[in-house]
């Protein structure tokens, strides 16, 4: 059940990232055209910066689920398959722990921005708490995806979370 929920949320995030990239490309195109017509849009750079945050955070969990994050195995590849599996579990557990801590800290900061000390962009005054919350949720979902990898790598080596070649 949890695995299905995490996979579904990752798929929603993947589509969110794709749509955000499309919207960002459209906004930049319109901005360039407006600038060429001598009537520039104001603040589009701030919107694009915020959209970049969304693209990155929406893309982390789907990238983890497809094992698309970079891993370097200079030392690990020389170990036995059993030791490699243990290293994969350790790496996935460290990724999960780090992501869960960073996600929780960002959610707390988003709550603070929303309730106690509001923060916003300089030009358009866009509130930052929704984006800080997106960073938190993105890291939490990435951490949950990594936890799924710990479970997969720890179940007898049927599939390893960080290896493309199945070793």
C-alpha atoms as a PDB file:
ATOM      1  CA  UNK A   1       0.000   0.000   0.000  1.00  0.00           C
ATOM      2  CA  UNK A   2       2.733   2.472   0.996  1.00  0.00           C
ATOM      3  CA  UNK A   3       4.794   1.476  -2.044  1.00  0.00           C
ATOM      4  CA  UNK A   4       1.769   2.168  -4.295  1.00  0.00           C
ATOM      5  CA  UNK A   5       1.134   5.541  -2.662  1.00  0.00           C
ATOM      6  CA  UNK A   6       4.789   6.603  -3.005  1.00  0.00           C
ATOM      7  CA  UNK A   7       4.885   5.459  -6.648  1.00  0.00           C
ATOM      8  CA  UNK A   8       1.673   7.378  -7.377  1.00  0.00           C
ATOM      9  CA  UNK A   9       2.951  10.525  -5.684  1.00  0.00           C
ATOM     10  CA  UNK A  10       6.224  10.253  -7.613  1.00  0.00           C
ATOM     11  CA  UNK A  11       4.295   9.978 -10.870  1.00  0.00           C
ATOM     12  CA  UNK A  12       2.276  13.092  -9.983  1.00  0.00           C
ATOM     13  CA  UNK A  13       5.535  14.894  -9.173  1.00  0.00           C
ATOM     14  CA  UNK A  14       7.040  13.757 -12.485  1.00  0.00           C
ATOM     15  CA  UNK A  15       4.106  15.214 -14.423  1.00  0.00           C
ATOM     16  CA  UNK A  16       4.254  18.365 -12.303  1.00  0.00           C
ATOM     17  CA  UNK A  17       7.926  18.821 -13.219  1.00  0.00           C
ATOM     18  CA  UNK A  18       7.196  18.277 -16.917  1.00  0.00           C
ATOM     19  CA  UNK A  19       4.331  20.781 -16.897  1.00  0.00           C
ATOM     20  CA  UNK A  20       6.434  23.295 -14.978  1.00  0.00           C
ATOM     21  CA  UNK A  21       9.234  23.043 -17.556  1.00  0.00           C
ATOM     22  CA  UNK A  22       6.688  23.584 -20.338  1.00  0.00           C
ATOM     23  CA  UNK A  23       5.209  26.602 -18.539  1.00  0.00           C
ATOM     24  CA  UNK A  24       8.681  27.988 -17.903  1.00  0.00           C
ATOM     25  CA  UNK A  25       9.600  27.655 -21.592  1.00  0.00           C
ATOM     26  CA  UNK A  26       6.363  29.375 -22.586  1.00  0.00           C
ATOM     27  CA  UNK A  27       6.925  32.208 -20.102  1.00  0.00           C
ATOM     28  CA  UNK A  28      10.489  32.755 -21.314  1.00  0.00           C
ATOM     29  CA  UNK A  29       9.323  32.749 -24.955  1.00  0.00           C
ATOM     30  CA  UNK A  30       6.590  35.286 -24.217  1.00  0.00           C
ATOM     31  CA  UNK A  31       9.040  37.400 -22.222  1.00  0.00           C
ATOM     32  CA  UNK A  32      11.555  37.474 -25.091  1.00  0.00           C
ATOM     33  CA  UNK A  33       8.817  38.339 -27.595  1.00  0.00           C
ATOM     34  CA  UNK A  34       7.517  41.112 -25.345  1.00  0.00           C
ATOM     35  CA  UNK A  35      11.020  42.484 -24.911  1.00  0.00           C
ATOM     36  CA  UNK A  36      11.475  42.499 -28.679  1.00  0.00           C
ATOM     37  CA  UNK A  37       8.214  44.464 -28.959  1.00  0.00           C
ATOM     38  CA  UNK A  38       9.573  47.015 -26.456  1.00  0.00           C
ATOM     39  CA  UNK A  39       7.017  46.121 -23.770  1.00  0.00           C
ATOM     40  CA  UNK A  40       8.912  43.811 -21.391  1.00  0.00           C
ATOM     41  CA  UNK A  41       7.185  41.743 -18.760  1.00  0.00           C
ATOM     42  CA  UNK A  42       8.090  42.748 -15.250  1.00  0.00           C
ATOM     43  CA  UNK A  43       9.259  40.130 -12.785  1.00  0.00           C
ATOM     44  CA  UNK A  44       9.376  37.154 -15.127  1.00  0.00           C
ATOM     45  CA  UNK A  45      12.876  36.373 -13.834  1.00  0.00           C
ATOM     46  CA  UNK A  46      11.472  35.876 -10.325  1.00  0.00           C
ATOM     47  CA  UNK A  47       8.744  33.584 -11.604  1.00  0.00           C
ATOM     48  CA  UNK A  48      11.270  31.558 -13.609  1.00  0.00           C
ATOM     49  CA  UNK A  49      13.520  31.241 -10.537  1.00  0.00           C
ATOM     50  CA  UNK A  50      10.609  29.938  -8.477  1.00  0.00           C
ATOM     51  CA  UNK A  51       9.660  27.555 -11.278  1.00  0.00           C
ATOM     52  CA  UNK A  52      13.233  26.211 -11.267  1.00  0.00           C
ATOM     53  CA  UNK A  53      12.821  25.360  -7.592  1.00  0.00           C
ATOM     54  CA  UNK A  54       9.623  23.521  -8.455  1.00  0.00           C
ATOM     55  CA  UNK A  55      11.218  21.609 -11.345  1.00  0.00           C
ATOM     56  CA  UNK A  56      14.130  20.402  -9.234  1.00  0.00           C
ATOM     57  CA  UNK A  57      12.063  19.420  -6.226  1.00  0.00           C
ATOM     58  CA  UNK A  58       9.345  17.749  -8.289  1.00  0.00           C
ATOM     59  CA  UNK A  59      11.993  15.750 -10.145  1.00  0.00           C
ATOM     60  CA  UNK A  60      13.980  14.297  -7.233  1.00  0.00           C
ATOM     61  CA  UNK A  61      11.655  11.446  -6.209  1.00  0.00           C
ATOM     62  CA  UNK A  62      10.880  10.269  -9.761  1.00  0.00           C
ATOM     63  CA  UNK A  63      14.608  10.280 -10.501  1.00  0.00           C
ATOM     64  CA  UNK A  64      15.217   8.144  -7.400  1.00  0.00           C
ATOM     65  CA  UNK A  65      12.484   5.699  -8.414  1.00  0.00           C
ATOM     66  CA  UNK A  66      14.040   5.249 -11.866  1.00  0.00           C
ATOM     67  CA  UNK A  67      17.537   5.008 -10.336  1.00  0.00           C
ATOM     68  CA  UNK A  68      18.608   8.039 -12.301  1.00  0.00           C
ATOM     69  CA  UNK A  69      20.750   9.750  -9.670  1.00  0.00           C
ATOM     70  CA  UNK A  70      24.490   9.583 -10.256  1.00  0.00           C
ATOM     71  CA  UNK A  71      26.424   6.949  -8.347  1.00  0.00           C
ATOM     72  CA  UNK A  72      30.133   6.283  -8.537  1.00  0.00           C
ATOM     73  CA  UNK A  73      31.370   2.809  -7.778  1.00  0.00           C
ATOM     74  CA  UNK A  74      35.151   3.090  -7.956  1.00  0.00           C
ATOM     75  CA  UNK A  75      35.593   1.194  -4.707  1.00  0.00           C
ATOM     76  CA  UNK A  76      32.257  -0.592  -4.397  1.00  0.00           C
ATOM     77  CA  UNK A  77      32.497  -2.254  -7.821  1.00  0.00           C
ATOM     78  CA  UNK A  78      35.611  -4.131  -6.660  1.00  0.00           C
ATOM     79  CA  UNK A  79      33.748  -5.729  -3.751  1.00  0.00           C
ATOM     80  CA  UNK A  80      31.876  -9.021  -3.754  1.00  0.00           C
ATOM     81  CA  UNK A  81      28.206  -8.913  -4.811  1.00  0.00           C
ATOM     82  CA  UNK A  82      27.152  -9.391  -1.197  1.00  0.00           C
ATOM     83  CA  UNK A  83      29.322  -6.478  -0.024  1.00  0.00           C
ATOM     84  CA  UNK A  84      28.040  -4.365  -2.922  1.00  0.00           C
ATOM     85  CA  UNK A  85      24.471  -5.059  -1.819  1.00  0.00           C
ATOM     86  CA  UNK A  86      25.340  -4.008   1.738  1.00  0.00           C
ATOM     87  CA  UNK A  87      26.927  -0.795   0.450  1.00  0.00           C
ATOM     88  CA  UNK A  88      23.821  -0.123  -1.654  1.00  0.00           C
ATOM     89  CA  UNK A  89      21.605  -0.548   1.414  1.00  0.00           C
ATOM     90  CA  UNK A  90      23.853   1.762   3.432  1.00  0.00           C
ATOM     91  CA  UNK A  91      23.879   4.395   0.669  1.00  0.00           C
ATOM     92  CA  UNK A  92      20.090   4.260   0.263  1.00  0.00           C
ATOM     93  CA  UNK A  93      19.618   4.487   4.040  1.00  0.00           C
ATOM     94  CA  UNK A  94      21.909   7.536   4.235  1.00  0.00           C
ATOM     95  CA  UNK A  95      20.073   9.207   1.336  1.00  0.00           C
ATOM     96  CA  UNK A  96      16.741   8.466   3.014  1.00  0.00           C
ATOM     97  CA  UNK A  97      17.842   9.777   6.412  1.00  0.00           C
ATOM     98  CA  UNK A  98      19.336  12.952   4.933  1.00  0.00           C
ATOM     99  CA  UNK A  99      16.292  13.634   2.769  1.00  0.00           C
ATOM    100  CA  UNK A 100      13.842  13.064   5.610  1.00  0.00           C
ATOM    101  CA  UNK A 101      15.741  15.446   7.918  1.00  0.00           C
ATOM    102  CA  UNK A 102      16.107  18.138   5.233  1.00  0.00           C
ATOM    103  CA  UNK A 103      12.456  17.717   4.231  1.00  0.00           C
ATOM    104  CA  UNK A 104      11.226  18.074   7.797  1.00  0.00           C
ATOM    105  CA  UNK A 105      13.402  21.160   8.372  1.00  0.00           C
ATOM    106  CA  UNK A 106      12.047  22.810   5.217  1.00  0.00           C
ATOM    107  CA  UNK A 107       8.446  22.062   6.192  1.00  0.00           C
ATOM    108  CA  UNK A 108       9.060  23.678   9.580  1.00  0.00           C
ATOM    109  CA  UNK A 109      10.577  26.726   7.875  1.00  0.00           C
ATOM    110  CA  UNK A 110       7.626  26.903   5.462  1.00  0.00           C
ATOM    111  CA  UNK A 111       5.261  26.917   8.446  1.00  0.00           C
ATOM    112  CA  UNK A 112       7.297  29.706  10.025  1.00  0.00           C
ATOM    113  CA  UNK A 113       7.214  31.728   6.775  1.00  0.00           C
ATOM    114  CA  UNK A 114       3.451  31.238   6.553  1.00  0.00           C
ATOM    115  CA  UNK A 115       2.609  32.068  10.169  1.00  0.00           C
ATOM    116  CA  UNK A 116       5.302  34.010  12.022  1.00  0.00           C
ATOM    117  CA  UNK A 117       7.706  35.799   9.692  1.00  0.00           C
ATOM    118  CA  UNK A 118       6.438  36.063   6.125  1.00  0.00           C
ATOM    119  CA  UNK A 119       9.044  36.109   3.378  1.00  0.00           C
ATOM    120  CA  UNK A 120       8.455  37.012  -0.249  1.00  0.00           C
ATOM    121  CA  UNK A 121      10.293  37.802  -3.466  1.00  0.00           C
ATOM    122  CA  UNK A 122      11.605  41.316  -3.947  1.00  0.00           C
ATOM    123  CA  UNK A 123       9.881  42.516  -7.113  1.00  0.00           C
ATOM    124  CA  UNK A 124       6.526  40.683  -7.268  1.00  0.00           C
ATOM    125  CA  UNK A 125       6.191  39.934  -3.532  1.00  0.00           C
ATOM    126  CA  UNK A 126       5.364  36.270  -4.205  1.00  0.00           C
ATOM    127  CA  UNK A 127       5.154  34.499  -0.828  1.00  0.00           C
ATOM    128  CA  UNK A 128       7.967  31.973  -0.384  1.00  0.00           C
ATOM    129  CA  UNK A 129       6.250  29.561   2.003  1.00  0.00           C
ATOM    130  CA  UNK A 130       4.573  27.454  -0.736  1.00  0.00           C
ATOM    131  CA  UNK A 131       7.934  26.936  -2.412  1.00  0.00           C
ATOM    132  CA  UNK A 132       9.631  26.155   0.880  1.00  0.00           C
ATOM    133  CA  UNK A 133       6.863  23.635   1.538  1.00  0.00           C
ATOM    134  CA  UNK A 134       7.414  22.142  -1.925  1.00  0.00           C
ATOM    135  CA  UNK A 135      11.110  21.755  -1.107  1.00  0.00           C
ATOM    136  CA  UNK A 136      10.150  19.970   2.110  1.00  0.00           C
ATOM    137  CA  UNK A 137       7.632  17.663   0.460  1.00  0.00           C
ATOM    138  CA  UNK A 138      10.029  16.992  -2.415  1.00  0.00           C
ATOM    139  CA  UNK A 139      12.787  15.924  -0.031  1.00  0.00           C
ATOM    140  CA  UNK A 140      10.364  13.821   2.032  1.00  0.00           C
ATOM    141  CA  UNK A 141       9.128  11.985  -1.050  1.00  0.00           C
ATOM    142  CA  UNK A 142      12.705  11.511  -2.254  1.00  0.00           C
ATOM    143  CA  UNK A 143      13.565  10.068   1.170  1.00  0.00           C
ATOM    144  CA  UNK A 144      10.583   7.712   1.036  1.00  0.00           C
ATOM    145  CA  UNK A 145      11.655   6.561  -2.426  1.00  0.00           C
ATOM    146  CA  UNK A 146      15.127   5.884  -1.044  1.00  0.00           C
ATOM    147  CA  UNK A 147      13.581   3.916   1.853  1.00  0.00           C
ATOM    148  CA  UNK A 148      11.823   1.744  -0.695  1.00  0.00           C
ATOM    149  CA  UNK A 149      15.266   1.146  -2.192  1.00  0.00           C
ATOM    150  CA  UNK A 150      16.570   0.029   1.211  1.00  0.00           C
ATOM    151  CA  UNK A 151      13.751  -2.513   1.375  1.00  0.00           C
ATOM    152  CA  UNK A 152      14.414  -3.780  -2.143  1.00  0.00           C
ATOM    153  CA  UNK A 153      18.181  -4.031  -1.657  1.00  0.00           C
ATOM    154  CA  UNK A 154      17.743  -5.767   1.662  1.00  0.00           C
ATOM    155  CA  UNK A 155      15.406  -8.514   0.396  1.00  0.00           C
ATOM    156  CA  UNK A 156      18.031 -10.947  -0.790  1.00  0.00           C
ATOM    157  CA  UNK A 157      19.491  -8.875  -3.591  1.00  0.00           C
ATOM    158  CA  UNK A 158      16.648  -9.274  -6.099  1.00  0.00           C
ATOM    159  CA  UNK A 159      17.067  -5.708  -7.239  1.00  0.00           C
ATOM    160  CA  UNK A 160      19.494  -3.044  -6.084  1.00  0.00           C
ATOM    161  CA  UNK A 161      18.335   0.562  -5.646  1.00  0.00           C
ATOM    162  CA  UNK A 162      21.376   2.358  -6.995  1.00  0.00           C
ATOM    163  CA  UNK A 163      22.747   0.051  -9.669  1.00  0.00           C
ATOM    164  CA  UNK A 164      21.702   0.010 -13.291  1.00  0.00           C
ATOM    165  CA  UNK A 165      23.579  -3.167 -14.207  1.00  0.00           C
ATOM    166  CA  UNK A 166      21.957  -5.462 -11.629  1.00  0.00           C
ATOM    167  CA  UNK A 167      25.218  -6.346  -9.829  1.00  0.00           C
END
